[in-house]
């Protein structure tokens, strides 16, 4: 009788120890971790608990995990951040990017490519942000942030619409007030699609940035005669402001960063980088050419941030998605570690959300698990010229806030019996 009691007690203790030993919700086992903020680029295990990164170590005991996911041979990175997308999808027939059919629902185009945070780039303005928040931000599983358009109506209608061309819509005080009211969601201000040969739109966007102490992102060009990039970079934009569509080539309405004759970067472009101007890709449907990107990258001018300019006009063409744009830059000899940095920690710093873009212990558990496929892959630009590369990135799994939200090969599921 006494022996039975001791056996039962020992079994109870063993069960309790086993339960208590499961310290972590999930352990990602055996993956190659790339975490640029923490200078990690090697095989490491990652443990997650309560939606946070709980531990990073070379070998975490699998007995400590309620769920252990084998990611051997894969790359583990912070959840990717796309700082230039258009996700104010709606049904207004005249809205286009603002509550219209040119924008896309975030969740359909993020998790499947490792993106856990996307920044809507100016679709909404001060008068339409509430609707954007209600219809898109609050309804998305993806973390959606926003650059607020300097036009109080946002990107309503086509580029020649009254809302995007009439100076009376550009209200920096109203824009700054709305940004201050939503400091966790609005990351800065956007100026775009202004086709007059004056600085009104840029100047008012910078004024909003100063009033709210936030960066601006500049989609420049569209005017005939063209405005000066040197003036924009060296006398208008501030350190920490972002220049998007860096590698575009629209000769009639926008100056390029690379001299078309000499194939050399203009001196004011290099000076702008020294001043702290952030150069973003913003690929889009018409804003990336190899004729600019190849000579620029050959001179060491890689982007600080990689973004898609996601919308209906780019998703099925040269851009495709975040991983395709990252792979495209790998085809131009940008390293895997650097394309990850440009899509994680550098992006987080650019939008001043330092809680994102890294896998420090205690950080939000946003994680991308990536395959690097090897072979012969073709990438084309908006001018329909091709460049070949040896690697193509593919998303194996995406975790947001500690939960698996995309799993290509069911690695997080038990085997059927």
Protein backbone atom coordinates (compact mmCIF):
# COMPACT_ATOMS: atom_id res chain seq x y z
CA UNK A 1 0.00 0.00 0.00
CA UNK A 2 2.81 2.36 0.94
CA UNK A 3 4.71 1.51 -2.27
CA UNK A 4 1.61 2.30 -4.36
CA UNK A 5 1.34 5.67 -2.62
CA UNK A 6 4.95 6.54 -3.37
CA UNK A 7 4.59 5.41 -6.99
CA UNK A 8 1.48 7.57 -7.44
CA UNK A 9 3.20 10.53 -5.82
CA UNK A 10 6.28 10.09 -8.01
CA UNK A 11 4.09 9.93 -11.12
CA UNK A 12 2.29 13.15 -10.04
CA UNK A 13 5.62 14.93 -9.54
CA UNK A 14 6.87 13.73 -12.92
CA UNK A 15 3.74 14.99 -14.67
CA UNK A 16 3.97 18.34 -12.90
CA UNK A 17 7.64 18.65 -13.85
CA UNK A 18 6.83 17.83 -17.47
CA UNK A 19 4.10 20.49 -17.57
CA UNK A 20 6.26 23.10 -15.89
CA UNK A 21 9.17 22.22 -18.15
CA UNK A 22 7.22 23.41 -21.17
CA UNK A 23 8.34 26.97 -20.70
CA UNK A 24 7.76 28.13 -24.28
CA UNK A 25 4.74 28.15 -26.54
CA UNK A 26 6.84 27.58 -29.65
CA UNK A 27 10.45 26.76 -30.44
CA UNK A 28 11.82 27.28 -33.94
CA UNK A 29 14.57 24.70 -34.12
CA UNK A 30 17.69 24.63 -36.25
CA UNK A 31 17.15 27.66 -38.52
CA UNK A 32 19.77 30.14 -39.67
CA UNK A 33 18.88 33.35 -37.85
CA UNK A 34 19.50 36.71 -39.52
CA UNK A 35 18.78 39.54 -37.08
CA UNK A 36 20.59 42.68 -38.28
CA UNK A 37 19.83 44.79 -35.20
CA UNK A 38 21.59 42.27 -33.00
CA UNK A 39 24.31 41.35 -35.52
CA UNK A 40 23.26 37.70 -35.59
CA UNK A 41 23.88 35.70 -38.78
CA UNK A 42 24.20 32.04 -37.78
CA UNK A 43 22.24 28.95 -36.81
CA UNK A 44 20.23 29.69 -33.65
CA UNK A 45 17.04 28.45 -32.02
CA UNK A 46 14.24 30.90 -31.28
CA UNK A 47 11.72 30.46 -28.47
CA UNK A 48 8.39 32.27 -28.25
CA UNK A 49 6.10 32.75 -25.28
CA UNK A 50 3.06 35.02 -24.82
CA UNK A 51 3.55 36.63 -28.22
CA UNK A 52 7.11 37.72 -27.43
CA UNK A 53 10.59 36.45 -28.17
CA UNK A 54 11.48 34.54 -25.01
CA UNK A 55 14.94 33.15 -25.81
CA UNK A 56 17.60 33.01 -28.50
CA UNK A 57 20.27 30.33 -28.15
CA UNK A 58 22.35 27.89 -30.16
CA UNK A 59 20.50 24.95 -28.68
CA UNK A 60 17.22 25.28 -26.78
CA UNK A 61 16.03 22.02 -25.21
CA UNK A 62 13.02 20.90 -27.27
CA UNK A 63 11.41 19.56 -24.08
CA UNK A 64 10.89 23.19 -23.06
CA UNK A 65 8.51 23.83 -25.95
CA UNK A 66 4.83 23.02 -26.17
CA UNK A 67 5.33 23.15 -29.94
CA UNK A 68 8.65 22.56 -31.68
CA UNK A 69 8.91 23.46 -35.36
CA UNK A 70 11.86 22.15 -37.34
CA UNK A 71 13.19 24.93 -39.59
CA UNK A 72 16.55 23.36 -40.36
CA UNK A 73 17.93 24.57 -43.66
CA UNK A 74 15.71 27.67 -43.57
CA UNK A 75 16.47 31.28 -42.76
CA UNK A 76 14.72 32.85 -39.79
CA UNK A 77 14.34 36.64 -39.85
CA UNK A 78 12.25 39.30 -38.15
CA UNK A 79 8.85 39.76 -39.76
CA UNK A 80 9.32 41.81 -42.93
CA UNK A 81 8.22 45.46 -43.06
CA UNK A 82 6.99 46.96 -46.33
CA UNK A 83 7.04 50.74 -45.85
CA UNK A 84 5.34 51.58 -49.17
CA UNK A 85 2.09 49.84 -50.03
CA UNK A 86 -1.46 50.83 -50.94
CA UNK A 87 -4.04 49.00 -48.85
CA UNK A 88 -6.99 51.41 -48.58
CA UNK A 89 -9.09 49.08 -50.72
CA UNK A 90 -12.72 50.08 -51.18
CA UNK A 91 -15.66 50.37 -53.51
CA UNK A 92 -15.76 54.06 -54.41
CA UNK A 93 -15.71 54.00 -58.25
CA UNK A 94 -13.81 57.31 -58.30
CA UNK A 95 -11.56 56.63 -55.32
CA UNK A 96 -8.76 54.69 -57.02
CA UNK A 97 -6.06 54.45 -54.30
CA UNK A 98 -8.22 56.16 -51.67
CA UNK A 99 -11.06 53.75 -50.80
CA UNK A 100 -11.00 52.47 -54.36
CA UNK A 101 -10.18 49.61 -56.67
CA UNK A 102 -6.48 50.33 -57.24
CA UNK A 103 -5.61 49.55 -53.61
CA UNK A 104 -5.55 46.05 -52.15
CA UNK A 105 -6.63 44.37 -48.89
CA UNK A 106 -3.46 43.93 -46.86
CA UNK A 107 -4.02 40.38 -45.63
CA UNK A 108 -4.15 38.95 -49.14
CA UNK A 109 -0.62 40.08 -49.98
CA UNK A 110 1.45 40.14 -46.79
CA UNK A 111 1.68 36.98 -44.69
CA UNK A 112 2.31 34.71 -47.69
CA UNK A 113 5.56 36.64 -48.36
CA UNK A 114 6.73 37.07 -44.76
CA UNK A 115 5.43 40.63 -44.33
CA UNK A 116 3.91 41.26 -40.90
CA UNK A 117 3.80 45.07 -41.11
CA UNK A 118 2.82 47.19 -44.11
CA UNK A 119 2.71 50.97 -44.24
CA UNK A 120 0.01 52.45 -46.41
CA UNK A 121 1.74 55.19 -48.34
CA UNK A 122 -0.55 58.20 -48.52
CA UNK A 123 -3.87 56.74 -49.64
CA UNK A 124 -5.73 58.60 -46.89
CA UNK A 125 -5.58 62.24 -45.88
CA UNK A 126 -6.63 64.06 -42.76
CA UNK A 127 -10.32 63.96 -43.70
CA UNK A 128 -10.35 60.30 -44.75
CA UNK A 129 -8.02 58.64 -42.23
CA UNK A 130 -10.88 57.71 -39.89
CA UNK A 131 -12.55 55.74 -42.69
CA UNK A 132 -9.25 54.07 -43.56
CA UNK A 133 -8.74 53.11 -39.92
CA UNK A 134 -12.27 51.71 -39.62
CA UNK A 135 -12.30 49.80 -42.91
CA UNK A 136 -8.68 48.66 -43.28
CA UNK A 137 -6.47 49.08 -40.22
CA UNK A 138 -8.99 47.75 -37.70
CA UNK A 139 -10.07 44.88 -39.95
CA UNK A 140 -6.61 43.58 -40.90
CA UNK A 141 -4.63 40.83 -39.23
CA UNK A 142 -1.55 42.43 -40.78
CA UNK A 143 -0.18 45.34 -38.78
CA UNK A 144 -1.14 48.33 -40.93
CA UNK A 145 0.46 51.73 -40.32
CA UNK A 146 0.18 54.84 -42.48
CA UNK A 147 1.88 57.80 -44.06
CA UNK A 148 -0.82 60.49 -44.13
CA UNK A 149 -1.19 62.31 -47.44
CA UNK A 150 -0.69 66.06 -47.33
CA UNK A 151 -3.91 66.36 -49.35
CA UNK A 152 -6.71 66.19 -46.84
CA UNK A 153 -8.64 63.95 -49.29
CA UNK A 154 -5.72 61.60 -49.88
CA UNK A 155 -5.11 59.92 -53.23
CA UNK A 156 -8.65 60.35 -54.44
CA UNK A 157 -9.21 60.09 -58.19
CA UNK A 158 -6.47 59.96 -60.79
CA UNK A 159 -3.24 61.94 -60.54
CA UNK A 160 -4.79 64.98 -62.22
CA UNK A 161 -7.72 65.16 -59.82
CA UNK A 162 -8.60 68.35 -58.01
CA UNK A 163 -7.83 66.66 -54.68
CA UNK A 164 -4.21 65.96 -55.68
CA UNK A 165 -3.41 69.11 -57.67
CA UNK A 166 -5.23 71.97 -55.94
CA UNK A 167 -3.13 73.69 -53.28
CA UNK A 168 -6.22 74.42 -51.19
CA UNK A 169 -6.34 70.72 -50.22
CA UNK A 170 -2.82 70.80 -48.72
CA UNK A 171 -3.33 71.60 -45.02
CA UNK A 172 -0.23 70.92 -42.87
CA UNK A 173 -1.86 71.98 -39.60
CA UNK A 174 -4.82 69.64 -40.05
CA UNK A 175 -2.51 66.81 -41.13
CA UNK A 176 -0.27 67.28 -38.09
CA UNK A 177 -3.26 67.36 -35.74
CA UNK A 178 -4.57 64.03 -37.07
CA UNK A 179 -1.10 62.48 -36.81
CA UNK A 180 -0.78 63.62 -33.20
CA UNK A 181 -4.17 62.04 -32.46
CA UNK A 182 -2.99 58.67 -33.84
CA UNK A 183 0.70 58.49 -32.88
CA UNK A 184 0.75 54.68 -32.87
CA UNK A 185 -0.62 54.42 -36.42
CA UNK A 186 0.59 57.43 -38.43
CA UNK A 187 4.33 57.29 -39.09
CA UNK A 188 4.74 60.43 -41.22
CA UNK A 189 3.43 62.33 -44.23
CA UNK A 190 3.36 61.65 -47.96
CA UNK A 191 3.65 64.03 -50.88
CA UNK A 192 2.97 62.57 -54.33
CA UNK A 193 1.54 63.07 -57.79
CA UNK A 194 1.89 66.85 -57.78
CA UNK A 195 2.38 68.02 -61.36
CA UNK A 196 3.09 71.73 -60.97
CA UNK A 197 6.58 73.18 -61.27
CA UNK A 198 6.58 74.69 -57.79
CA UNK A 199 7.44 73.54 -54.28
CA UNK A 200 4.07 74.13 -52.60
CA UNK A 201 3.21 70.47 -52.00
CA UNK A 202 6.70 69.58 -50.76
CA UNK A 203 6.94 72.64 -48.52
CA UNK A 204 3.58 72.02 -46.89
CA UNK A 205 4.40 68.36 -46.32
CA UNK A 206 7.67 69.34 -44.65
CA UNK A 207 5.73 71.84 -42.52
CA UNK A 208 3.41 69.04 -41.37
CA UNK A 209 6.47 66.93 -40.56
CA UNK A 210 7.94 69.70 -38.45
CA UNK A 211 4.67 70.31 -36.61
CA UNK A 212 4.26 66.63 -35.73
CA UNK A 213 7.98 65.81 -35.47
CA UNK A 214 7.62 63.05 -38.06
CA UNK A 215 9.42 62.17 -41.31
CA UNK A 216 8.00 62.68 -44.77
CA UNK A 217 8.15 60.33 -47.75
CA UNK A 218 8.51 61.97 -51.16
CA UNK A 219 7.14 60.58 -54.42
CA UNK A 220 8.74 63.17 -56.67
CA UNK A 221 8.29 64.18 -60.28
CA UNK A 222 5.48 64.74 -62.71
CA UNK A 223 6.19 68.38 -63.54
CA UNK A 224 7.25 69.97 -66.83
CA UNK A 225 9.65 71.70 -66.55
CA UNK A 226 11.21 69.32 -64.03
CA UNK A 227 12.05 70.38 -60.52
CA UNK A 228 15.59 69.92 -59.22
CA UNK A 229 16.50 66.80 -57.26
CA UNK A 230 19.53 68.63 -55.93
CA UNK A 231 17.25 71.32 -54.51
CA UNK A 232 14.98 68.68 -53.02
CA UNK A 233 17.77 66.65 -51.42
CA UNK A 234 20.06 69.39 -50.16
CA UNK A 235 17.74 72.29 -49.37
CA UNK A 236 14.26 70.88 -48.80
CA UNK A 237 14.30 67.40 -47.26
CA UNK A 238 15.56 66.86 -43.72
CA UNK A 239 17.75 64.05 -42.34
CA UNK A 240 15.45 61.07 -41.79
CA UNK A 241 13.08 62.03 -44.59
CA UNK A 242 12.52 59.33 -47.21
CA UNK A 243 12.90 59.49 -50.98
CA UNK A 244 10.91 56.69 -52.61
CA UNK A 245 11.03 55.43 -56.23
CA UNK A 246 14.81 55.85 -56.03
CA UNK A 247 15.56 53.80 -59.17
CA UNK A 248 12.80 55.15 -61.40
CA UNK A 249 13.45 56.69 -64.80
CA UNK A 250 10.80 59.11 -66.06
CA UNK A 251 12.96 61.36 -68.16
CA UNK A 252 10.45 64.06 -69.10
CA UNK A 253 9.11 64.74 -65.63
CA UNK A 254 11.74 63.56 -63.13
CA UNK A 255 15.52 63.78 -62.85
CA UNK A 256 17.36 60.51 -62.30
CA UNK A 257 19.95 59.62 -59.65
CA UNK A 258 22.34 58.22 -62.28
CA UNK A 259 23.58 60.38 -65.15
CA UNK A 260 22.21 58.77 -68.31
CA UNK A 261 25.36 59.61 -70.29
CA UNK A 262 28.18 58.81 -67.87
CA UNK A 263 26.28 56.16 -65.84
CA UNK A 264 27.68 57.79 -62.71
CA UNK A 265 25.72 58.80 -59.64
CA UNK A 266 25.17 62.53 -59.40
CA UNK A 267 27.27 64.10 -56.61
CA UNK A 268 24.17 65.55 -54.92
CA UNK A 269 22.77 62.03 -54.52
CA UNK A 270 25.84 60.93 -52.60
CA UNK A 271 25.73 64.14 -50.59
CA UNK A 272 22.08 63.52 -49.76
CA UNK A 273 22.93 60.12 -48.33
CA UNK A 274 25.61 61.72 -46.18
CA UNK A 275 22.99 64.22 -44.97
CA UNK A 276 20.80 61.35 -43.79
CA UNK A 277 18.20 61.22 -46.56
CA UNK A 278 16.78 57.68 -46.69
CA UNK A 279 16.56 56.10 -50.15
CA UNK A 280 13.67 53.66 -50.57
CA UNK A 281 12.88 51.35 -53.49
CA UNK A 282 9.10 51.82 -53.93
CA UNK A 283 9.18 49.53 -56.98
CA UNK A 284 5.57 49.86 -58.13
CA UNK A 285 4.27 49.47 -61.65
CA UNK A 286 6.38 52.24 -63.18
CA UNK A 287 9.15 53.23 -60.78
CA UNK A 288 12.02 50.77 -61.09
CA UNK A 289 14.48 50.38 -63.98
CA UNK A 290 17.64 48.35 -64.23
CA UNK A 291 19.15 51.21 -66.26
CA UNK A 292 19.24 53.13 -62.96
CA UNK A 293 19.55 50.30 -60.46
CA UNK A 294 22.44 48.36 -62.01
CA UNK A 295 24.88 51.29 -62.38
CA UNK A 296 23.82 52.64 -58.96
CA UNK A 297 24.37 49.33 -57.16
CA UNK A 298 27.64 48.75 -59.01
CA UNK A 299 28.79 51.99 -57.38
CA UNK A 300 27.66 50.71 -53.98
CA UNK A 301 24.43 52.69 -53.87
CA UNK A 302 22.02 50.14 -52.43
CA UNK A 303 18.70 51.16 -50.87
CA UNK A 304 18.32 51.70 -47.13
CA UNK A 305 14.79 50.31 -47.34
CA UNK A 306 13.18 47.86 -49.76
CA UNK A 307 9.48 48.35 -50.44
CA UNK A 308 6.95 47.28 -53.03
CA UNK A 309 4.55 50.12 -53.85
CA UNK A 310 1.94 47.37 -53.82
CA UNK A 311 -1.26 48.05 -55.79
CA UNK A 312 -3.30 46.44 -58.57
CA UNK A 313 -0.97 47.86 -61.21
CA UNK A 314 2.19 46.33 -59.72
CA UNK A 315 1.17 43.03 -58.12
CA UNK A 316 1.14 40.99 -61.36
CA UNK A 317 3.91 42.75 -63.25
CA UNK A 318 7.61 43.38 -62.62
CA UNK A 319 7.17 44.00 -58.90
CA UNK A 320 5.09 40.98 -57.75
CA UNK A 321 5.78 41.10 -54.01
CA UNK A 322 8.27 41.97 -51.26
CA UNK A 323 10.33 38.81 -51.63
CA UNK A 324 10.60 39.23 -55.39
CA UNK A 325 11.93 42.77 -54.95
CA UNK A 326 14.42 41.53 -52.35
CA UNK A 327 15.49 38.73 -54.71
CA UNK A 328 15.85 41.28 -57.51
CA UNK A 329 18.40 43.19 -55.46
CA UNK A 330 20.22 39.96 -54.65
CA UNK A 331 20.57 39.54 -58.43
CA UNK A 332 22.50 42.85 -58.29
CA UNK A 333 24.86 41.49 -55.63
CA UNK A 334 23.11 42.84 -52.55
CA UNK A 335 23.74 40.23 -49.86
CA UNK A 336 20.97 38.24 -48.19
CA UNK A 337 21.83 39.82 -44.85
CA UNK A 338 21.51 43.31 -46.34
CA UNK A 339 18.21 42.72 -48.14
CA UNK A 340 16.87 41.37 -44.84
CA UNK A 341 18.18 44.45 -43.02
CA UNK A 342 16.57 46.76 -45.60
CA UNK A 343 13.26 44.95 -45.06
CA UNK A 344 13.39 44.76 -41.25
CA UNK A 345 15.53 46.85 -38.94
CA UNK A 346 16.31 49.67 -41.39
CA UNK A 347 12.62 49.88 -42.26
CA UNK A 348 11.65 49.96 -38.58
CA UNK A 349 14.08 52.81 -37.96
CA UNK A 350 12.84 54.74 -41.00
CA UNK A 351 9.26 54.72 -39.68
CA UNK A 352 10.44 55.17 -36.06
CA UNK A 353 8.86 51.97 -34.78
CA UNK A 354 11.82 50.49 -32.97
CA UNK A 355 9.68 47.81 -31.35
CA UNK A 356 9.58 46.13 -34.77
CA UNK A 357 12.15 44.66 -37.14
CA UNK A 358 14.24 42.60 -34.70
CA UNK A 359 14.13 39.45 -32.59
CA UNK A 360 15.60 40.67 -29.33
CA UNK A 361 14.43 38.86 -26.20
CA UNK A 362 11.23 40.61 -25.14
CA UNK A 363 10.47 41.89 -28.65
CA UNK A 364 7.20 41.28 -30.48
CA UNK A 365 7.33 37.77 -31.97
CA UNK A 366 6.95 38.70 -35.64
CA UNK A 367 9.00 36.16 -37.57
CA UNK A 368 9.53 35.17 -41.20
CA UNK A 369 10.95 31.75 -42.12
CA UNK A 370 12.40 31.85 -45.62
CA UNK A 371 13.70 29.46 -48.25
CA UNK A 372 16.52 30.59 -50.50
CA UNK A 373 16.00 28.69 -53.73
CA UNK A 374 19.05 28.23 -55.93
CA UNK A 375 18.95 28.12 -59.70
CA UNK A 376 18.53 30.46 -62.64
CA UNK A 377 15.83 33.09 -62.13
CA UNK A 378 14.76 36.03 -64.26
CA UNK A 379 13.68 39.43 -62.94
CA UNK A 380 12.35 42.22 -65.13
CA UNK A 381 11.84 45.93 -64.65
CA UNK A 382 9.05 48.35 -65.58
CA UNK A 383 10.76 48.99 -68.94
CA UNK A 384 10.55 45.22 -69.55
CA UNK A 385 14.27 44.48 -69.46
CA UNK A 386 15.55 41.36 -67.69
CA UNK A 387 18.31 40.67 -65.21
CA UNK A 388 19.14 37.12 -64.13
CA UNK A 389 19.89 35.97 -60.62
CA UNK A 390 20.93 32.78 -58.85
CA UNK A 391 18.56 33.01 -55.87
CA UNK A 392 14.86 33.41 -55.27
CA UNK A 393 13.40 34.00 -51.82
CA UNK A 394 10.29 32.07 -50.83
CA UNK A 395 8.25 32.26 -47.62
CA UNK A 396 8.03 29.01 -45.69
CA UNK A 397 6.22 30.37 -42.64
CA UNK A 398 5.09 33.65 -41.10
CA UNK A 399 4.49 34.25 -37.42
CA UNK A 400 2.82 37.41 -36.14
CA UNK A 401 2.50 38.22 -32.44
CA UNK A 402 3.65 34.69 -31.69
CA UNK A 403 1.00 32.93 -33.82
CA UNK A 404 1.58 31.07 -37.06
CA UNK A 405 -0.42 32.95 -39.70
CA UNK A 406 1.03 31.34 -42.84
CA UNK A 407 2.53 27.87 -43.20
CA UNK A 408 3.51 26.78 -46.72
CA UNK A 409 4.31 23.16 -45.92
CA UNK A 410 2.30 22.59 -42.72
CA UNK A 411 5.42 22.45 -40.55
CA UNK A 412 3.48 23.62 -37.51
CA UNK A 413 0.81 20.89 -37.79
CA UNK A 414 0.81 17.36 -36.36
CA UNK A 415 1.01 14.45 -38.79
CA UNK A 416 -2.30 12.78 -39.67
CA UNK A 417 -2.82 9.28 -38.33
